[in-house]
Amino acid sequence: MIKGLPEKLQKLRSKNGLSQKQVADRIGVSPSIVSGYETGERTPSTDVLLSLSYLYNCSTDYLLGKQNIEPDVTLNTAGLTDKQIQALIALIESIKSE
């Protein structure tokens, strides 16, 4: 188990107004697995951590406890498809590089 990860995942999910099912659908796992991550019974794989960081617009360092700075801005992506979310991420990255 990664210290502090379950609490961070619960907080980020609530902050983004998402249900465990919505998170599960977005990252490609079952709701019971998301529940396990949030209770500390399960530890997400590297791929899942990366997906969660994209979903919650935070760094993997934040999720892993290496960085304690919470994300400044979150976007409520409820109701958007994965393709739409990826398009938003690409747009944001292109704006950052200008």
Protein backbone atom coordinates (compact mmCIF):
# COMPACT_ATOMS: atom_id res chain seq x y z
CA MET A 1 0.00 0.00 0.00
CA ILE A 2 1.15 3.52 -0.78
CA LYS A 3 0.89 5.73 2.31
CA GLY A 4 -1.80 8.38 1.93
CA LEU A 5 -2.94 7.22 -1.52
CA PRO A 6 -6.40 5.97 -0.49
CA GLU A 7 -7.27 9.29 1.14
CA LYS A 8 -5.97 11.28 -1.84
CA LEU A 9 -7.99 9.19 -4.28
CA GLN A 10 -11.17 9.61 -2.23
CA LYS A 11 -10.62 13.36 -1.95
CA LEU A 12 -9.83 13.83 -5.64
CA ARG A 13 -12.83 11.77 -6.73
CA SER A 14 -15.17 13.77 -4.49
CA LYS A 15 -13.60 17.05 -5.55
CA ASN A 16 -14.25 16.14 -9.19
CA GLY A 17 -17.83 15.06 -8.49
CA LEU A 18 -17.31 11.52 -9.74
CA SER A 19 -18.72 8.23 -8.52
CA GLN A 20 -16.54 5.16 -8.15
CA LYS A 21 -18.31 3.71 -11.19
CA GLN A 22 -17.47 6.77 -13.29
CA VAL A 23 -13.82 6.55 -12.25
CA ALA A 24 -13.81 2.83 -12.98
CA ASP A 25 -15.27 3.39 -16.45
CA ARG A 26 -12.70 6.08 -17.23
CA ILE A 27 -9.67 4.06 -16.15
CA GLY A 28 -10.89 0.67 -17.37
CA VAL A 29 -11.37 -1.26 -14.13
CA SER A 30 -14.39 -2.39 -12.11
CA PRO A 31 -15.96 -0.21 -9.41
CA SER A 32 -14.93 -2.75 -6.76
CA ILE A 33 -11.29 -2.25 -7.75
CA VAL A 34 -11.66 1.53 -7.40
CA SER A 35 -13.18 0.91 -3.98
CA GLY A 36 -10.17 -1.25 -3.11
CA TYR A 37 -7.80 1.56 -4.10
CA GLU A 38 -9.73 3.99 -1.89
CA THR A 39 -9.74 1.67 1.13
CA GLY A 40 -6.11 0.67 0.72
CA GLU A 41 -6.95 -2.98 0.10
CA ARG A 42 -5.49 -2.75 -3.42
CA THR A 43 -2.53 -0.91 -4.90
CA PRO A 44 -2.93 0.44 -8.43
CA SER A 45 -0.49 -0.57 -11.15
CA THR A 46 1.78 2.00 -12.77
CA ASP A 47 -0.57 2.22 -15.75
CA VAL A 48 -3.57 2.82 -13.48
CA LEU A 49 -1.67 5.47 -11.48
CA LEU A 50 -0.91 7.27 -14.72
CA SER A 51 -4.57 7.07 -15.79
CA LEU A 52 -5.64 8.43 -12.39
CA SER A 53 -3.17 11.31 -12.68
CA TYR A 54 -4.65 12.25 -16.07
CA LEU A 55 -8.19 11.89 -14.79
CA TYR A 56 -7.56 14.05 -11.72
CA ASN A 57 -5.15 16.44 -13.43
CA CYS A 58 -2.39 15.84 -10.91
CA SER A 59 1.10 14.40 -10.98
CA THR A 60 1.94 10.82 -10.17
CA ASP A 61 4.41 12.30 -7.67
CA TYR A 62 1.43 13.79 -5.82
CA LEU A 63 -0.41 10.46 -5.81
CA LEU A 64 2.69 8.60 -4.63
CA GLY A 65 3.38 11.08 -1.83
CA LYS A 66 6.62 12.42 -3.28
CA GLN A 67 5.04 15.82 -3.76
CA ASN A 68 2.48 17.15 -1.29
CA ILE A 69 1.16 20.01 -3.37
CA GLU A 70 -2.45 19.45 -4.34
CA PRO A 71 -3.48 20.23 -7.90
CA ASP A 72 -4.38 23.92 -8.26
CA VAL A 73 -7.16 23.48 -10.75
CA THR A 74 -9.42 20.57 -11.44
CA LEU A 75 -11.79 20.13 -14.32
CA ASN A 76 -15.08 18.36 -13.88
CA THR A 77 -14.99 15.87 -16.74
CA ALA A 78 -18.20 14.10 -15.75
CA GLY A 79 -20.20 13.31 -18.87
CA LEU A 80 -17.23 13.52 -21.23
CA THR A 81 -15.95 10.57 -23.20
CA ASP A 82 -12.35 9.39 -22.89
CA LYS A 83 -11.73 10.82 -26.37
CA GLN A 84 -13.04 14.23 -25.28
CA ILE A 85 -10.91 14.15 -22.12
CA GLN A 86 -7.81 13.30 -24.13
CA ALA A 87 -8.61 16.18 -26.52
CA LEU A 88 -8.83 18.57 -23.54
CA ILE A 89 -5.51 17.30 -22.20
CA ALA A 90 -3.90 17.77 -25.63
CA LEU A 91 -5.30 21.32 -25.85
CA ILE A 92 -4.03 22.22 -22.40
CA GLU A 93 -0.58 20.80 -23.18
CA SER A 94 -0.41 22.76 -26.46
CA ILE A 95 -1.34 25.98 -24.63
CA LYS A 96 1.35 25.33 -22.01
CA SER A 97 4.01 24.92 -24.70
CA GLU A 98 3.23 28.26 -26.38
